[in-house]
Amino acid sequence: MEKTSRTPTPEVRRATAADVPALVRLRALMLADMGIPAGPEDAPWREAAGRWFAERLAGEADFAAFVVEEPGRGVVSCAVGTCDHHAPGPTSPSGLRGHVSNVATEHAARHQGYARACTEALLRWFAEETEVSAVDLHATADGTHLYETLGFRAPRFPALQIRLGTP
């Protein structure tokens, strides 16, 4: 009898306040992978990001984060979602738009379906627990294929951006 190897479905859970350090660490990894220097462990943005995550995890209805934790290694992957308030319209009566961000997986834990599992959990949250009618994200070249397999497409009207001031 031939054995078939199946990668088990990763166990995804909703992030809690205890996961804030991991969310910040994975954000730094994501930024570094995007070519944005994250700076040292004591960089001021990290403390600010920790506060931001902690405030939203404390019960904000328009925010969710999902993580995969490996035994002995801790949280190795995450995906974060926010609901952004816009003026209502015919295709968005609530005016809420979803935004996916901070999708990151530690290098050693990649290609095991963790980012997909976290993003799928986040999309279920948007669909089942919010009034969001559309979800946006900014994809890196490495992530584009994953997002396309989940149904993301280029928007009809592309996003443009202007940077005001300097950090």
N, C-alpha and C. Protein backbone atom coordinates (compact mmCIF):
# COMPACT_ATOMS: atom_id res chain seq x y z
N MET A 1 0.84 -1.17 0.00
CA MET A 1 0.00 0.00 0.00
C MET A 1 0.90 1.24 0.00
N GLU A 2 0.59 2.19 -0.88
CA GLU A 2 1.39 3.40 -1.01
C GLU A 2 0.98 4.43 0.04
N LYS A 3 1.97 5.00 0.68
CA LYS A 3 1.69 6.04 1.67
C LYS A 3 1.62 7.38 0.97
N THR A 4 0.70 8.18 1.39
CA THR A 4 0.62 9.54 0.87
C THR A 4 0.90 10.49 2.02
N SER A 5 1.74 11.44 1.76
CA SER A 5 2.03 12.40 2.82
C SER A 5 1.14 13.62 2.63
N ARG A 6 0.49 14.00 3.67
CA ARG A 6 -0.38 15.17 3.66
C ARG A 6 0.11 16.14 4.71
N THR A 7 0.24 17.36 4.30
CA THR A 7 0.58 18.37 5.27
C THR A 7 -0.67 18.65 6.09
N PRO A 8 -0.60 18.52 7.41
CA PRO A 8 -1.80 18.77 8.20
C PRO A 8 -2.20 20.23 8.10
N THR A 9 -3.50 20.47 8.21
CA THR A 9 -4.00 21.83 8.18
C THR A 9 -3.48 22.55 9.42
N PRO A 10 -2.86 23.71 9.21
CA PRO A 10 -2.34 24.44 10.37
C PRO A 10 -3.47 24.87 11.30
N GLU A 11 -3.17 24.85 12.58
CA GLU A 11 -4.16 25.30 13.56
C GLU A 11 -4.01 26.81 13.72
N VAL A 12 -5.06 27.51 13.32
CA VAL A 12 -5.08 28.96 13.38
C VAL A 12 -5.95 29.37 14.56
N ARG A 13 -5.50 30.42 15.25
CA ARG A 13 -6.32 30.95 16.34
C ARG A 13 -6.31 32.47 16.28
N ARG A 14 -7.29 33.05 16.92
CA ARG A 14 -7.36 34.51 17.00
C ARG A 14 -6.27 34.98 17.96
N ALA A 15 -5.58 36.02 17.58
CA ALA A 15 -4.50 36.56 18.42
C ALA A 15 -5.07 37.17 19.69
N THR A 16 -4.26 37.14 20.75
CA THR A 16 -4.61 37.74 22.03
C THR A 16 -3.53 38.75 22.42
N ALA A 17 -3.74 39.42 23.53
CA ALA A 17 -2.76 40.39 24.01
C ALA A 17 -1.39 39.75 24.21
N ALA A 18 -1.36 38.48 24.57
CA ALA A 18 -0.08 37.79 24.78
C ALA A 18 0.72 37.66 23.48
N ASP A 19 0.06 37.84 22.33
CA ASP A 19 0.73 37.70 21.04
C ASP A 19 1.32 39.01 20.52
N VAL A 20 1.15 40.10 21.24
CA VAL A 20 1.64 41.40 20.77
C VAL A 20 3.12 41.36 20.40
N PRO A 21 4.00 40.84 21.26
CA PRO A 21 5.42 40.81 20.86
C PRO A 21 5.66 40.04 19.55
N ALA A 22 4.94 38.95 19.35
CA ALA A 22 5.10 38.17 18.12
C ALA A 22 4.58 38.95 16.91
N LEU A 23 3.48 39.67 17.08
CA LEU A 23 2.94 40.47 15.97
C LEU A 23 3.93 41.56 15.57
N VAL A 24 4.56 42.18 16.55
CA VAL A 24 5.56 43.21 16.25
C VAL A 24 6.78 42.58 15.58
N ARG A 25 7.23 41.45 16.11
CA ARG A 25 8.39 40.75 15.52
C ARG A 25 8.12 40.35 14.08
N LEU A 26 6.93 39.80 13.82
CA LEU A 26 6.60 39.39 12.46
C LEU A 26 6.42 40.60 11.54
N ARG A 27 5.93 41.70 12.09
CA ARG A 27 5.83 42.93 11.29
C ARG A 27 7.22 43.40 10.87
N ALA A 28 8.17 43.36 11.79
CA ALA A 28 9.54 43.75 11.47
C ALA A 28 10.11 42.84 10.38
N LEU A 29 9.83 41.55 10.46
CA LEU A 29 10.30 40.60 9.45
C LEU A 29 9.68 40.93 8.09
N MET A 30 8.38 41.21 8.08
CA MET A 30 7.70 41.55 6.83
C MET A 30 8.30 42.81 6.22
N LEU A 31 8.51 43.83 7.04
CA LEU A 31 9.08 45.08 6.54
C LEU A 31 10.48 44.85 5.97
N ALA A 32 11.30 44.09 6.68
CA ALA A 32 12.65 43.79 6.20
C ALA A 32 12.60 43.05 4.87
N ASP A 33 11.66 42.10 4.74
CA ASP A 33 11.51 41.36 3.48
C ASP A 33 11.07 42.27 2.34
N MET A 34 10.43 43.39 2.68
CA MET A 34 9.98 44.35 1.67
C MET A 34 11.07 45.38 1.36
N GLY A 35 12.23 45.23 2.02
CA GLY A 35 13.33 46.16 1.78
C GLY A 35 13.25 47.43 2.61
N ILE A 36 12.42 47.41 3.65
CA ILE A 36 12.29 48.55 4.54
C ILE A 36 13.05 48.23 5.82
N PRO A 37 14.15 48.91 6.09
CA PRO A 37 14.93 48.59 7.29
C PRO A 37 14.08 48.75 8.56
N ALA A 38 13.99 47.68 9.33
CA ALA A 38 13.17 47.69 10.55
C ALA A 38 13.91 48.26 11.74
N GLY A 39 15.22 48.37 11.64
CA GLY A 39 16.00 48.92 12.74
C GLY A 39 16.20 47.93 13.86
N PRO A 40 16.83 48.39 14.93
CA PRO A 40 17.14 47.50 16.05
C PRO A 40 15.89 47.14 16.87
N GLU A 41 16.09 46.19 17.78
CA GLU A 41 14.99 45.73 18.64
C GLU A 41 14.35 46.87 19.45
N ASP A 42 15.14 47.91 19.76
CA ASP A 42 14.61 49.02 20.56
C ASP A 42 14.21 50.22 19.70
N ALA A 43 14.01 50.01 18.40
CA ALA A 43 13.57 51.10 17.53
C ALA A 43 12.22 51.62 18.03
N PRO A 44 12.04 52.93 18.08
CA PRO A 44 10.80 53.50 18.63
C PRO A 44 9.53 53.01 17.97
N TRP A 45 9.57 52.71 16.69
CA TRP A 45 8.35 52.27 16.02
C TRP A 45 7.84 50.96 16.60
N ARG A 46 8.74 50.12 17.10
CA ARG A 46 8.32 48.82 17.65
C ARG A 46 7.44 48.99 18.89
N GLU A 47 7.84 49.89 19.76
CA GLU A 47 7.02 50.15 20.95
C GLU A 47 5.66 50.72 20.54
N ALA A 48 5.68 51.65 19.59
CA ALA A 48 4.42 52.23 19.11
C ALA A 48 3.54 51.15 18.47
N ALA A 49 4.15 50.24 17.69
CA ALA A 49 3.38 49.15 17.08
C ALA A 49 2.81 48.22 18.14
N GLY A 50 3.59 47.94 19.18
CA GLY A 50 3.10 47.11 20.27
C GLY A 50 1.87 47.73 20.94
N ARG A 51 1.93 49.01 21.20
CA ARG A 51 0.76 49.71 21.79
C ARG A 51 -0.43 49.63 20.84
N TRP A 52 -0.17 49.85 19.55
CA TRP A 52 -1.25 49.83 18.55
C TRP A 52 -1.94 48.47 18.53
N PHE A 53 -1.14 47.39 18.47
CA PHE A 53 -1.73 46.05 18.48
C PHE A 53 -2.47 45.79 19.78
N ALA A 54 -1.87 46.15 20.91
CA ALA A 54 -2.49 45.89 22.22
C ALA A 54 -3.84 46.60 22.35
N GLU A 55 -3.89 47.85 21.92
CA GLU A 55 -5.15 48.61 22.00
C GLU A 55 -6.24 47.94 21.17
N ARG A 56 -5.91 47.50 19.99
CA ARG A 56 -6.91 46.91 19.12
C ARG A 56 -7.30 45.49 19.56
N LEU A 57 -6.37 44.75 20.08
CA LEU A 57 -6.71 43.41 20.57
C LEU A 57 -7.54 43.45 21.84
N ALA A 58 -7.57 44.59 22.49
CA ALA A 58 -8.31 44.72 23.75
C ALA A 58 -9.82 44.76 23.54
N GLY A 59 -10.28 44.61 22.33
CA GLY A 59 -11.72 44.51 22.14
C GLY A 59 -12.30 45.34 21.03
N GLU A 60 -11.48 45.91 20.17
CA GLU A 60 -11.99 46.70 19.07
C GLU A 60 -12.70 45.79 18.07
N ALA A 61 -13.96 46.11 17.77
CA ALA A 61 -14.76 45.27 16.88
C ALA A 61 -14.30 45.33 15.43
N ASP A 62 -13.58 46.38 15.05
CA ASP A 62 -13.16 46.56 13.67
C ASP A 62 -11.74 46.06 13.42
N PHE A 63 -11.27 45.13 14.24
CA PHE A 63 -9.90 44.64 14.14
C PHE A 63 -9.85 43.16 14.49
N ALA A 64 -9.03 42.42 13.74
CA ALA A 64 -8.78 41.02 14.08
C ALA A 64 -7.39 40.64 13.59
N ALA A 65 -6.77 39.75 14.32
CA ALA A 65 -5.48 39.18 13.91
C ALA A 65 -5.55 37.68 14.17
N PHE A 66 -5.01 36.92 13.24
CA PHE A 66 -4.98 35.47 13.38
C PHE A 66 -3.54 35.00 13.28
N VAL A 67 -3.22 33.96 14.05
CA VAL A 67 -1.85 33.48 14.13
C VAL A 67 -1.80 31.96 14.04
N VAL A 68 -0.63 31.47 13.65
CA VAL A 68 -0.31 30.04 13.74
C VAL A 68 0.87 29.94 14.70
N GLU A 69 0.73 29.03 15.63
CA GLU A 69 1.77 28.82 16.64
C GLU A 69 2.30 27.40 16.50
N GLU A 70 3.61 27.26 16.44
CA GLU A 70 4.24 25.94 16.40
C GLU A 70 4.71 25.57 17.80
N PRO A 71 4.48 24.32 18.20
CA PRO A 71 4.96 23.89 19.52
C PRO A 71 6.47 24.11 19.64
N GLY A 72 6.86 24.69 20.74
CA GLY A 72 8.27 24.92 21.00
C GLY A 72 8.86 26.14 20.31
N ARG A 73 8.16 26.70 19.35
CA ARG A 73 8.67 27.86 18.62
C ARG A 73 7.83 29.10 18.84
N GLY A 74 6.59 28.92 19.22
CA GLY A 74 5.71 30.07 19.40
C GLY A 74 5.05 30.48 18.10
N VAL A 75 4.57 31.70 18.07
CA VAL A 75 3.86 32.22 16.90
C VAL A 75 4.84 32.40 15.75
N VAL A 76 4.51 31.79 14.61
CA VAL A 76 5.40 31.84 13.44
C VAL A 76 4.76 32.50 12.23
N SER A 77 3.47 32.78 12.30
CA SER A 77 2.78 33.37 11.16
C SER A 77 1.58 34.17 11.63
N CYS A 78 1.23 35.20 10.85
CA CYS A 78 0.07 36.01 11.23
C CYS A 78 -0.53 36.69 10.01
N ALA A 79 -1.76 37.16 10.19
CA ALA A 79 -2.44 38.05 9.24
C ALA A 79 -3.32 38.96 10.08
N VAL A 80 -3.36 40.23 9.71
CA VAL A 80 -4.08 41.25 10.47
C VAL A 80 -5.11 41.90 9.56
N GLY A 81 -6.26 42.23 10.12
CA GLY A 81 -7.30 42.91 9.34
C GLY A 81 -7.94 44.04 10.11
N THR A 82 -8.25 45.10 9.38
CA THR A 82 -8.96 46.24 9.95
C THR A 82 -10.15 46.57 9.07
N CYS A 83 -11.14 47.19 9.66
CA CYS A 83 -12.28 47.72 8.92
C CYS A 83 -12.10 49.23 8.87
N ASP A 84 -12.09 49.77 7.66
CA ASP A 84 -11.92 51.20 7.46
C ASP A 84 -13.28 51.80 7.12
N HIS A 85 -13.59 52.91 7.76
CA HIS A 85 -14.88 53.57 7.56
C HIS A 85 -14.80 54.55 6.39
N HIS A 86 -15.71 54.36 5.44
CA HIS A 86 -15.83 55.23 4.27
C HIS A 86 -17.30 55.63 4.14
N ALA A 87 -17.57 56.59 3.29
CA ALA A 87 -18.97 56.96 3.04
C ALA A 87 -19.68 55.78 2.38
N PRO A 88 -20.91 55.48 2.80
CA PRO A 88 -21.66 54.40 2.17
C PRO A 88 -21.93 54.69 0.69
N GLY A 89 -22.14 53.64 -0.07
CA GLY A 89 -22.46 53.75 -1.49
C GLY A 89 -23.26 52.55 -1.93
N PRO A 90 -23.63 52.50 -3.20
CA PRO A 90 -24.48 51.40 -3.68
C PRO A 90 -23.87 50.01 -3.52
N THR A 91 -22.54 49.91 -3.64
CA THR A 91 -21.92 48.59 -3.49
C THR A 91 -21.39 48.36 -2.08
N SER A 92 -21.53 49.35 -1.22
CA SER A 92 -21.08 49.24 0.17
C SER A 92 -22.01 50.05 1.08
N PRO A 93 -23.20 49.50 1.34
CA PRO A 93 -24.18 50.24 2.14
C PRO A 93 -23.68 50.61 3.55
N SER A 94 -22.77 49.82 4.11
CA SER A 94 -22.25 50.13 5.44
C SER A 94 -21.10 51.14 5.37
N GLY A 95 -20.49 51.26 4.20
CA GLY A 95 -19.31 52.11 4.07
C GLY A 95 -18.04 51.46 4.60
N LEU A 96 -18.14 50.24 5.10
CA LEU A 96 -16.96 49.57 5.64
C LEU A 96 -16.19 48.86 4.54
N ARG A 97 -14.89 49.05 4.55
CA ARG A 97 -13.98 48.32 3.67
C ARG A 97 -12.98 47.59 4.54
N GLY A 98 -12.67 46.39 4.16
CA GLY A 98 -11.67 45.62 4.90
C GLY A 98 -10.29 45.89 4.34
N HIS A 99 -9.31 45.75 5.21
CA HIS A 99 -7.92 45.88 4.77
C HIS A 99 -7.09 44.80 5.46
N VAL A 100 -6.39 44.01 4.65
CA VAL A 100 -5.50 42.97 5.15
C VAL A 100 -4.09 43.54 5.19
N SER A 101 -3.41 43.31 6.29
CA SER A 101 -2.02 43.75 6.40
C SER A 101 -1.25 42.78 7.28
N ASN A 102 0.03 43.03 7.37
CA ASN A 102 0.88 42.30 8.30
C ASN A 102 0.79 40.78 8.11
N VAL A 103 0.69 40.34 6.86
CA VAL A 103 0.74 38.90 6.59
C VAL A 103 2.22 38.52 6.55
N ALA A 104 2.63 37.71 7.50
CA ALA A 104 4.06 37.39 7.61
C ALA A 104 4.24 36.00 8.21
N THR A 105 5.31 35.35 7.76
CA THR A 105 5.67 34.03 8.28
C THR A 105 7.18 33.99 8.44
N GLU A 106 7.63 33.47 9.56
CA GLU A 106 9.07 33.30 9.77
C GLU A 106 9.65 32.47 8.63
N HIS A 107 10.86 32.80 8.23
CA HIS A 107 11.50 32.13 7.09
C HIS A 107 11.49 30.61 7.23
N ALA A 108 11.83 30.09 8.41
CA ALA A 108 11.93 28.64 8.60
C ALA A 108 10.57 27.94 8.58
N ALA A 109 9.49 28.71 8.67
CA ALA A 109 8.16 28.12 8.71
C ALA A 109 7.37 28.35 7.42
N ARG A 110 8.02 28.85 6.41
CA ARG A 110 7.32 29.16 5.16
C ARG A 110 7.04 27.91 4.34
N HIS A 111 6.10 28.06 3.41
CA HIS A 111 5.70 27.01 2.47
C HIS A 111 5.03 25.83 3.17
N GLN A 112 4.33 26.13 4.25
CA GLN A 112 3.57 25.10 4.97
C GLN A 112 2.09 25.47 5.05
N GLY A 113 1.71 26.53 4.35
CA GLY A 113 0.30 26.92 4.33
C GLY A 113 -0.11 27.82 5.47
N TYR A 114 0.84 28.31 6.26
CA TYR A 114 0.49 29.13 7.43
C TYR A 114 -0.09 30.48 7.04
N ALA A 115 0.54 31.18 6.10
CA ALA A 115 0.03 32.49 5.68
C ALA A 115 -1.35 32.34 5.06
N ARG A 116 -1.53 31.30 4.25
CA ARG A 116 -2.84 31.03 3.65
C ARG A 116 -3.89 30.79 4.73
N ALA A 117 -3.56 29.96 5.70
CA ALA A 117 -4.52 29.64 6.76
C ALA A 117 -4.90 30.88 7.56
N CYS A 118 -3.92 31.72 7.89
CA CYS A 118 -4.21 32.95 8.63
C CYS A 118 -5.06 33.90 7.80
N THR A 119 -4.75 34.02 6.52
CA THR A 119 -5.50 34.93 5.65
C THR A 119 -6.92 34.40 5.42
N GLU A 120 -7.08 33.10 5.26
CA GLU A 120 -8.42 32.53 5.12
C GLU A 120 -9.26 32.77 6.37
N ALA A 121 -8.65 32.62 7.54
CA ALA A 121 -9.38 32.88 8.79
C ALA A 121 -9.79 34.34 8.85
N LEU A 122 -8.92 35.22 8.43
CA LEU A 122 -9.21 36.65 8.42
C LEU A 122 -10.36 36.96 7.45
N LEU A 123 -10.34 36.36 6.28
CA LEU A 123 -11.43 36.58 5.31
C LEU A 123 -12.76 36.05 5.84
N ARG A 124 -12.73 34.92 6.56
CA ARG A 124 -13.97 34.41 7.19
C ARG A 124 -14.48 35.41 8.22
N TRP A 125 -13.56 35.99 9.01
CA TRP A 125 -13.95 36.99 10.00
C TRP A 125 -14.63 38.18 9.31
N PHE A 126 -14.01 38.69 8.24
CA PHE A 126 -14.62 39.81 7.51
C PHE A 126 -16.03 39.42 7.05
N ALA A 127 -16.18 38.22 6.46
CA ALA A 127 -17.45 37.79 5.89
C ALA A 127 -18.52 37.52 6.95
N GLU A 128 -18.12 36.95 8.08
CA GLU A 128 -19.10 36.49 9.08
C GLU A 128 -19.34 37.47 10.22
N GLU A 129 -18.37 38.32 10.52
CA GLU A 129 -18.49 39.15 11.72
C GLU A 129 -18.46 40.65 11.46
N THR A 130 -18.37 41.06 10.20
CA THR A 130 -18.36 42.49 9.90
C THR A 130 -19.35 42.76 8.76
N GLU A 131 -19.54 44.03 8.45
CA GLU A 131 -20.39 44.42 7.33
C GLU A 131 -19.55 44.86 6.13
N VAL A 132 -18.32 44.39 6.07
CA VAL A 132 -17.41 44.71 4.98
C VAL A 132 -17.93 44.08 3.69
N SER A 133 -17.88 44.85 2.60
CA SER A 133 -18.30 44.30 1.30
C SER A 133 -17.13 44.10 0.35
N ALA A 134 -15.98 44.68 0.64
CA ALA A 134 -14.78 44.51 -0.19
C ALA A 134 -13.57 44.56 0.74
N VAL A 135 -12.55 43.80 0.38
CA VAL A 135 -11.32 43.73 1.18
C VAL A 135 -10.14 44.07 0.28
N ASP A 136 -9.30 44.98 0.74
CA ASP A 136 -8.11 45.41 0.01
C ASP A 136 -6.86 44.89 0.70
N LEU A 137 -5.78 44.85 -0.05
CA LEU A 137 -4.46 44.60 0.52
C LEU A 137 -3.41 45.10 -0.45
N HIS A 138 -2.22 45.27 0.06
CA HIS A 138 -1.06 45.59 -0.78
C HIS A 138 -0.19 44.35 -0.79
N ALA A 139 0.01 43.80 -1.99
CA ALA A 139 0.74 42.55 -2.11
C ALA A 139 2.18 42.78 -2.55
N THR A 140 3.07 42.01 -1.97
CA THR A 140 4.44 41.97 -2.48
C THR A 140 4.47 40.98 -3.65
N ALA A 141 5.56 40.99 -4.38
CA ALA A 141 5.70 40.04 -5.49
C ALA A 141 5.60 38.60 -4.98
N ASP A 142 6.16 38.34 -3.79
CA ASP A 142 6.12 36.99 -3.23
C ASP A 142 4.72 36.57 -2.81
N GLY A 143 3.88 37.52 -2.43
CA GLY A 143 2.55 37.19 -1.93
C GLY A 143 1.44 37.23 -2.96
N THR A 144 1.70 37.81 -4.11
CA THR A 144 0.64 38.02 -5.11
C THR A 144 -0.07 36.73 -5.48
N HIS A 145 0.67 35.66 -5.75
CA HIS A 145 0.04 34.40 -6.15
C HIS A 145 -0.92 33.88 -5.08
N LEU A 146 -0.49 33.91 -3.84
CA LEU A 146 -1.36 33.45 -2.75
C LEU A 146 -2.67 34.22 -2.77
N TYR A 147 -2.59 35.54 -2.84
CA TYR A 147 -3.80 36.36 -2.78
C TYR A 147 -4.70 36.15 -3.99
N GLU A 148 -4.09 35.95 -5.15
CA GLU A 148 -4.90 35.68 -6.33
C GLU A 148 -5.64 34.35 -6.20
N THR A 149 -5.02 33.34 -5.60
CA THR A 149 -5.71 32.06 -5.41
C THR A 149 -6.85 32.18 -4.41
N LEU A 150 -6.82 33.21 -3.59
CA LEU A 150 -7.90 33.45 -2.63
C LEU A 150 -9.00 34.35 -3.21
N GLY A 151 -8.82 34.79 -4.45
CA GLY A 151 -9.85 35.57 -5.11
C GLY A 151 -9.56 37.06 -5.26
N PHE A 152 -8.43 37.54 -4.78
CA PHE A 152 -8.09 38.95 -4.92
C PHE A 152 -7.74 39.24 -6.39
N ARG A 153 -8.18 40.39 -6.86
CA ARG A 153 -7.88 40.86 -8.21
C ARG A 153 -7.49 42.33 -8.15
N ALA A 154 -6.82 42.80 -9.19
CA ALA A 154 -6.49 44.23 -9.26
C ALA A 154 -7.78 45.03 -9.28
N PRO A 155 -7.83 46.13 -8.53
CA PRO A 155 -9.05 46.92 -8.50
C PRO A 155 -9.27 47.68 -9.81
N ARG A 156 -10.49 48.03 -10.05
CA ARG A 156 -10.85 48.77 -11.25
C ARG A 156 -10.14 50.12 -11.29
N PHE A 157 -10.03 50.74 -10.13
CA PHE A 157 -9.36 52.02 -10.01
C PHE A 157 -8.14 51.83 -9.12
N PRO A 158 -6.92 51.86 -9.68
CA PRO A 158 -5.73 51.58 -8.88
C PRO A 158 -5.50 52.63 -7.81
N ALA A 159 -4.93 52.19 -6.72
CA ALA A 159 -4.59 53.09 -5.62
C ALA A 159 -3.39 53.95 -5.99
N LEU A 160 -3.44 55.19 -5.61
CA LEU A 160 -2.31 56.10 -5.75
C LEU A 160 -1.99 56.60 -4.35
N GLN A 161 -0.79 57.12 -4.17
CA GLN A 161 -0.39 57.55 -2.83
C GLN A 161 0.52 58.74 -2.93
N ILE A 162 0.42 59.62 -1.94
CA ILE A 162 1.35 60.72 -1.77
C ILE A 162 1.85 60.67 -0.33
N ARG A 163 3.12 60.85 -0.15
CA ARG A 163 3.71 60.88 1.20
C ARG A 163 3.83 62.33 1.64
N LEU A 164 3.30 62.62 2.81
CA LEU A 164 3.35 63.96 3.37
C LEU A 164 4.36 64.02 4.49
N GLY A 165 5.31 64.90 4.40
CA GLY A 165 6.30 65.06 5.46
C GLY A 165 7.26 63.88 5.53
N THR A 166 8.04 63.88 6.58
CA THR A 166 8.99 62.80 6.81
C THR A 166 8.78 62.26 8.21
N PRO A 167 9.09 60.99 8.40
CA PRO A 167 8.90 60.41 9.75
C PRO A 167 9.83 61.02 10.78
